[in-house]
Amino acid sequence: SLDGAVGNRLVLLTPAAQTSIPRGL
């Protein structure tokens, strides 16, 4: 189980600047 909750916020997964990534998970 992977849970991205931080309090009442959700963690955003995104590529770093100038980085191309085809899949998040």
PDB file of all heavy atoms in Angstrom:
ATOM      1  N   SER A   1       0.849  -1.187   0.000  1.00  0.00           N
ATOM      2  CA  SER A   1       0.000   0.000   0.000  1.00  0.00           C
ATOM      3  C   SER A   1       0.888   1.240   0.000  1.00  0.00           C
ATOM      4  O   SER A   1       1.806   1.357   0.821  1.00  0.00           O
ATOM      5  CB  SER A   1      -0.904   0.007   1.237  1.00  0.00           C
ATOM      6  OG  SER A   1      -1.616   1.229   1.328  1.00  0.00           O
ATOM      7  N   LEU A   2       0.613   2.167  -0.925  1.00  0.00           N
ATOM      8  CA  LEU A   2       1.338   3.437  -1.008  1.00  0.00           C
ATOM      9  C   LEU A   2       0.331   4.559  -0.797  1.00  0.00           C
ATOM     10  O   LEU A   2      -0.619   4.707  -1.575  1.00  0.00           O
ATOM     11  CB  LEU A   2       2.034   3.579  -2.365  1.00  0.00           C
ATOM     12  CG  LEU A   2       2.674   4.928  -2.693  1.00  0.00           C
ATOM     13  CD1 LEU A   2       3.704   5.321  -1.642  1.00  0.00           C
ATOM     14  CD2 LEU A   2       3.325   4.888  -4.079  1.00  0.00           C
ATOM     15  N   ASP A   3       0.525   5.347   0.255  1.00  0.00           N
ATOM     16  CA  ASP A   3      -0.427   6.390   0.651  1.00  0.00           C
ATOM     17  C   ASP A   3       0.286   7.738   0.640  1.00  0.00           C
ATOM     18  O   ASP A   3       1.241   7.954   1.382  1.00  0.00           O
ATOM     19  CB  ASP A   3      -0.962   6.076   2.056  1.00  0.00           C
ATOM     20  CG  ASP A   3      -2.088   7.008   2.492  1.00  0.00           C
ATOM     21  OD1 ASP A   3      -2.236   8.096   1.907  1.00  0.00           O
ATOM     22  OD2 ASP A   3      -2.824   6.641   3.426  1.00  0.00           O
ATOM     23  N   GLY A   4      -0.199   8.656  -0.215  1.00  0.00           N
ATOM     24  CA  GLY A   4       0.464   9.949  -0.380  1.00  0.00           C
ATOM     25  C   GLY A   4      -0.102  11.069   0.464  1.00  0.00           C
ATOM     26  O   GLY A   4       0.227  12.235   0.236  1.00  0.00           O
ATOM     27  N   ALA A   5      -0.943  10.755   1.454  1.00  0.00           N
ATOM     28  CA  ALA A   5      -1.521  11.807   2.288  1.00  0.00           C
ATOM     29  C   ALA A   5      -0.476  12.377   3.244  1.00  0.00           C
ATOM     30  O   ALA A   5       0.260  11.639   3.892  1.00  0.00           O
ATOM     31  CB  ALA A   5      -2.710  11.264   3.068  1.00  0.00           C
ATOM     32  N   VAL A   6      -0.424  13.709   3.317  1.00  0.00           N
ATOM     33  CA  VAL A   6       0.383  14.405   4.330  1.00  0.00           C
ATOM     34  C   VAL A   6      -0.576  15.363   5.027  1.00  0.00           C
ATOM     35  O   VAL A   6      -0.857  16.450   4.522  1.00  0.00           O
ATOM     36  CB  VAL A   6       1.563  15.169   3.702  1.00  0.00           C
ATOM     37  CG1 VAL A   6       2.344  15.902   4.786  1.00  0.00           C
ATOM     38  CG2 VAL A   6       2.482  14.230   2.950  1.00  0.00           C
ATOM     39  N   GLY A   7      -1.102  14.945   6.173  1.00  0.00           N
ATOM     40  CA  GLY A   7      -2.182  15.716   6.781  1.00  0.00           C
ATOM     41  C   GLY A   7      -3.378  15.691   5.838  1.00  0.00           C
ATOM     42  O   GLY A   7      -3.824  14.628   5.408  1.00  0.00           O
ATOM     43  N   ASN A   8      -3.882  16.892   5.487  1.00  0.00           N
ATOM     44  CA  ASN A   8      -4.999  16.964   4.542  1.00  0.00           C
ATOM     45  C   ASN A   8      -4.536  17.311   3.128  1.00  0.00           C
ATOM     46  O   ASN A   8      -5.320  17.725   2.285  1.00  0.00           O
ATOM     47  CB  ASN A   8      -6.042  17.985   5.017  1.00  0.00           C
ATOM     48  CG  ASN A   8      -5.466  19.391   5.122  1.00  0.00           C
ATOM     49  OD1 ASN A   8      -4.270  19.592   4.945  1.00  0.00           O
ATOM     50  ND2 ASN A   8      -6.309  20.358   5.406  1.00  0.00           N
ATOM     51  N   ARG A   9      -3.249  17.164   2.860  1.00  0.00           N
ATOM     52  CA  ARG A   9      -2.673  17.420   1.534  1.00  0.00           C
ATOM     53  C   ARG A   9      -2.280  16.107   0.874  1.00  0.00           C
ATOM     54  O   ARG A   9      -2.045  15.094   1.540  1.00  0.00           O
ATOM     55  CB  ARG A   9      -1.429  18.322   1.646  1.00  0.00           C
ATOM     56  CG  ARG A   9      -1.653  19.606   2.430  1.00  0.00           C
ATOM     57  CD  ARG A   9      -2.493  20.596   1.672  1.00  0.00           C
ATOM     58  NE  ARG A   9      -2.624  21.851   2.389  1.00  0.00           N
ATOM     59  CZ  ARG A   9      -3.277  22.906   1.924  1.00  0.00           C
ATOM     60  NH1 ARG A   9      -3.864  22.861   0.743  1.00  0.00           N
ATOM     61  NH2 ARG A   9      -3.361  24.019   2.651  1.00  0.00           N
ATOM     62  N   LEU A  10      -2.168  16.143  -0.452  1.00  0.00           N
ATOM     63  CA  LEU A  10      -1.720  14.986  -1.216  1.00  0.00           C
ATOM     64  C   LEU A  10      -0.371  15.289  -1.844  1.00  0.00           C
ATOM     65  O   LEU A  10      -0.173  16.352  -2.432  1.00  0.00           O
ATOM     66  CB  LEU A  10      -2.724  14.638  -2.328  1.00  0.00           C
ATOM     67  CG  LEU A  10      -4.191  14.463  -1.936  1.00  0.00           C
ATOM     68  CD1 LEU A  10      -4.997  13.998  -3.154  1.00  0.00           C
ATOM     69  CD2 LEU A  10      -4.344  13.494  -0.787  1.00  0.00           C
ATOM     70  N   VAL A  11       0.557  14.362  -1.732  1.00  0.00           N
ATOM     71  CA  VAL A  11       1.870  14.515  -2.354  1.00  0.00           C
ATOM     72  C   VAL A  11       1.716  14.480  -3.876  1.00  0.00           C
ATOM     73  O   VAL A  11       1.000  13.637  -4.426  1.00  0.00           O
ATOM     74  CB  VAL A  11       2.829  13.401  -1.896  1.00  0.00           C
ATOM     75  CG1 VAL A  11       4.109  13.390  -2.735  1.00  0.00           C
ATOM     76  CG2 VAL A  11       3.173  13.572  -0.416  1.00  0.00           C
ATOM     77  N   LEU A  12       2.370  15.418  -4.549  1.00  0.00           N
ATOM     78  CA  LEU A  12       2.426  15.440  -6.008  1.00  0.00           C
ATOM     79  C   LEU A  12       3.709  14.774  -6.475  1.00  0.00           C
ATOM     80  O   LEU A  12       4.803  15.143  -6.044  1.00  0.00           O
ATOM     81  CB  LEU A  12       2.391  16.882  -6.527  1.00  0.00           C
ATOM     82  CG  LEU A  12       2.680  17.081  -8.023  1.00  0.00           C
ATOM     83  CD1 LEU A  12       1.595  16.473  -8.888  1.00  0.00           C
ATOM     84  CD2 LEU A  12       2.867  18.566  -8.348  1.00  0.00           C
ATOM     85  N   LEU A  13       3.580  13.781  -7.365  1.00  0.00           N
ATOM     86  CA  LEU A  13       4.735  13.190  -8.037  1.00  0.00           C
ATOM     87  C   LEU A  13       4.832  13.815  -9.416  1.00  0.00           C
ATOM     88  O   LEU A  13       3.859  13.809 -10.186  1.00  0.00           O
ATOM     89  CB  LEU A  13       4.582  11.670  -8.164  1.00  0.00           C
ATOM     90  CG  LEU A  13       4.500  10.849  -6.876  1.00  0.00           C
ATOM     91  CD1 LEU A  13       4.463   9.358  -7.217  1.00  0.00           C
ATOM     92  CD2 LEU A  13       5.662  11.159  -5.950  1.00  0.00           C
ATOM     93  N   THR A  14       6.005  14.339  -9.764  1.00  0.00           N
ATOM     94  CA  THR A  14       6.201  14.978 -11.058  1.00  0.00           C
ATOM     95  C   THR A  14       7.677  14.911 -11.409  1.00  0.00           C
ATOM     96  O   THR A  14       8.532  14.873 -10.519  1.00  0.00           O
ATOM     97  CB  THR A  14       5.706  16.444 -11.027  1.00  0.00           C
ATOM     98  OG1 THR A  14       5.645  16.973 -12.348  1.00  0.00           O
ATOM     99  CG2 THR A  14       6.592  17.321 -10.163  1.00  0.00           C
ATOM    100  N   PRO A  15       8.040  14.876 -12.693  1.00  0.00           N
ATOM    101  CA  PRO A  15       9.462  14.887 -13.045  1.00  0.00           C
ATOM    102  C   PRO A  15      10.109  16.224 -12.673  1.00  0.00           C
ATOM    103  O   PRO A  15       9.464  17.280 -12.730  1.00  0.00           O
ATOM    104  CB  PRO A  15       9.450  14.700 -14.569  1.00  0.00           C
ATOM    105  CG  PRO A  15       8.125  14.074 -14.873  1.00  0.00           C
ATOM    106  CD  PRO A  15       7.187  14.667 -13.878  1.00  0.00           C
ATOM    107  N   ALA A  16      11.374  16.165 -12.300  1.00  0.00           N
ATOM    108  CA  ALA A  16      12.121  17.392 -12.052  1.00  0.00           C
ATOM    109  C   ALA A  16      12.265  18.179 -13.351  1.00  0.00           C
ATOM    110  O   ALA A  16      12.084  17.645 -14.449  1.00  0.00           O
ATOM    111  CB  ALA A  16      13.491  17.046 -11.475  1.00  0.00           C
ATOM    112  N   ALA A  17      12.579  19.451 -13.222  1.00  0.00           N
ATOM    113  CA  ALA A  17      12.745  20.312 -14.400  1.00  0.00           C
ATOM    114  C   ALA A  17      13.775  19.714 -15.349  1.00  0.00           C
ATOM    115  O   ALA A  17      14.794  19.146 -14.916  1.00  0.00           O
ATOM    116  CB  ALA A  17      13.172  21.706 -13.954  1.00  0.00           C
ATOM    117  N   GLN A  18      13.498  19.816 -16.633  1.00  0.00           N
ATOM    118  CA  GLN A  18      14.388  19.320 -17.687  1.00  0.00           C
ATOM    119  C   GLN A  18      14.584  17.811 -17.621  1.00  0.00           C
ATOM    120  O   GLN A  18      15.587  17.282 -18.099  1.00  0.00           O
ATOM    121  CB  GLN A  18      15.760  20.025 -17.620  1.00  0.00           C
ATOM    122  CG  GLN A  18      15.705  21.536 -17.560  1.00  0.00           C
ATOM    123  CD  GLN A  18      14.928  22.137 -18.718  1.00  0.00           C
ATOM    124  OE1 GLN A  18      15.117  21.762 -19.863  1.00  0.00           O
ATOM    125  NE2 GLN A  18      14.041  23.074 -18.413  1.00  0.00           N
ATOM    126  N   THR A  19      13.630  17.106 -17.002  1.00  0.00           N
ATOM    127  CA  THR A  19      13.702  15.655 -16.901  1.00  0.00           C
ATOM    128  C   THR A  19      12.455  15.047 -17.528  1.00  0.00           C
ATOM    129  O   THR A  19      11.339  15.466 -17.222  1.00  0.00           O
ATOM    130  CB  THR A  19      13.789  15.211 -15.427  1.00  0.00           C
ATOM    131  OG1 THR A  19      14.930  15.833 -14.827  1.00  0.00           O
ATOM    132  CG2 THR A  19      13.932  13.705 -15.315  1.00  0.00           C
ATOM    133  N   SER A  20      12.639  14.088 -18.420  1.00  0.00           N
ATOM    134  CA  SER A  20      11.507  13.414 -19.061  1.00  0.00           C
ATOM    135  C   SER A  20      11.365  12.014 -18.473  1.00  0.00           C
ATOM    136  O   SER A  20      12.300  11.215 -18.522  1.00  0.00           O
ATOM    137  CB  SER A  20      11.720  13.325 -20.575  1.00  0.00           C
ATOM    138  OG  SER A  20      10.661  12.623 -21.188  1.00  0.00           O
ATOM    139  N   ILE A  21      10.197  11.737 -17.879  1.00  0.00           N
ATOM    140  CA  ILE A  21       9.926  10.429 -17.276  1.00  0.00           C
ATOM    141  C   ILE A  21       8.580   9.953 -17.800  1.00  0.00           C
ATOM    142  O   ILE A  21       7.579  10.659 -17.642  1.00  0.00           O
ATOM    143  CB  ILE A  21       9.918  10.514 -15.741  1.00  0.00           C
ATOM    144  CG1 ILE A  21      11.295  10.978 -15.223  1.00  0.00           C
ATOM    145  CG2 ILE A  21       9.557   9.166 -15.123  1.00  0.00           C
ATOM    146  CD1 ILE A  21      11.358  11.154 -13.717  1.00  0.00           C
ATOM    147  N   PRO A  22       8.516   8.784 -18.434  1.00  0.00           N
ATOM    148  CA  PRO A  22       7.264   8.362 -19.060  1.00  0.00           C
ATOM    149  C   PRO A  22       6.191   7.867 -18.099  1.00  0.00           C
ATOM    150  O   PRO A  22       5.011   7.922 -18.416  1.00  0.00           O
ATOM    151  CB  PRO A  22       7.700   7.232 -20.000  1.00  0.00           C
ATOM    152  CG  PRO A  22       8.947   6.692 -19.397  1.00  0.00           C
ATOM    153  CD  PRO A  22       9.632   7.862 -18.763  1.00  0.00           C
ATOM    154  N   ARG A  23       6.585   7.362 -16.909  1.00  0.00           N
ATOM    155  CA  ARG A  23       5.619   6.786 -15.981  1.00  0.00           C
ATOM    156  C   ARG A  23       5.836   7.325 -14.571  1.00  0.00           C
ATOM    157  O   ARG A  23       6.978   7.433 -14.117  1.00  0.00           O
ATOM    158  CB  ARG A  23       5.747   5.251 -15.929  1.00  0.00           C
ATOM    159  CG  ARG A  23       5.367   4.548 -17.217  1.00  0.00           C
ATOM    160  CD  ARG A  23       5.632   3.048 -17.134  1.00  0.00           C
ATOM    161  NE  ARG A  23       7.031   2.734 -16.885  1.00  0.00           N
ATOM    162  CZ  ARG A  23       7.986   2.776 -17.820  1.00  0.00           C
ATOM    163  NH1 ARG A  23       7.685   3.102 -19.061  1.00  0.00           N
ATOM    164  NH2 ARG A  23       9.230   2.484 -17.508  1.00  0.00           N
ATOM    165  N   GLY A  24       4.721   7.624 -13.901  1.00  0.00           N
ATOM    166  CA  GLY A  24       4.844   8.016 -12.500  1.00  0.00           C
ATOM    167  C   GLY A  24       5.095   6.807 -11.626  1.00  0.00           C
ATOM    168  O   GLY A  24       6.098   6.721 -10.928  1.00  0.00           O
ATOM    169  N   LEU A  25       4.169   5.845 -11.662  1.00  0.00           N
ATOM    170  CA  LEU A  25       4.318   4.589 -10.929  1.00  0.00           C
ATOM    171  C   LEU A  25       4.056   3.433 -11.880  1.00  0.00           C
ATOM    172  O   LEU A  25       3.135   3.489 -12.699  1.00  0.00           O
ATOM    173  CB  LEU A  25       3.336   4.508  -9.760  1.00  0.00           C
ATOM    174  CG  LEU A  25       3.538   5.506  -8.606  1.00  0.00           C
ATOM    175  CD1 LEU A  25       2.384   5.404  -7.623  1.00  0.00           C
ATOM    176  CD2 LEU A  25       4.868   5.266  -7.899  1.00  0.00           C
TER     177      LEU A  25
END
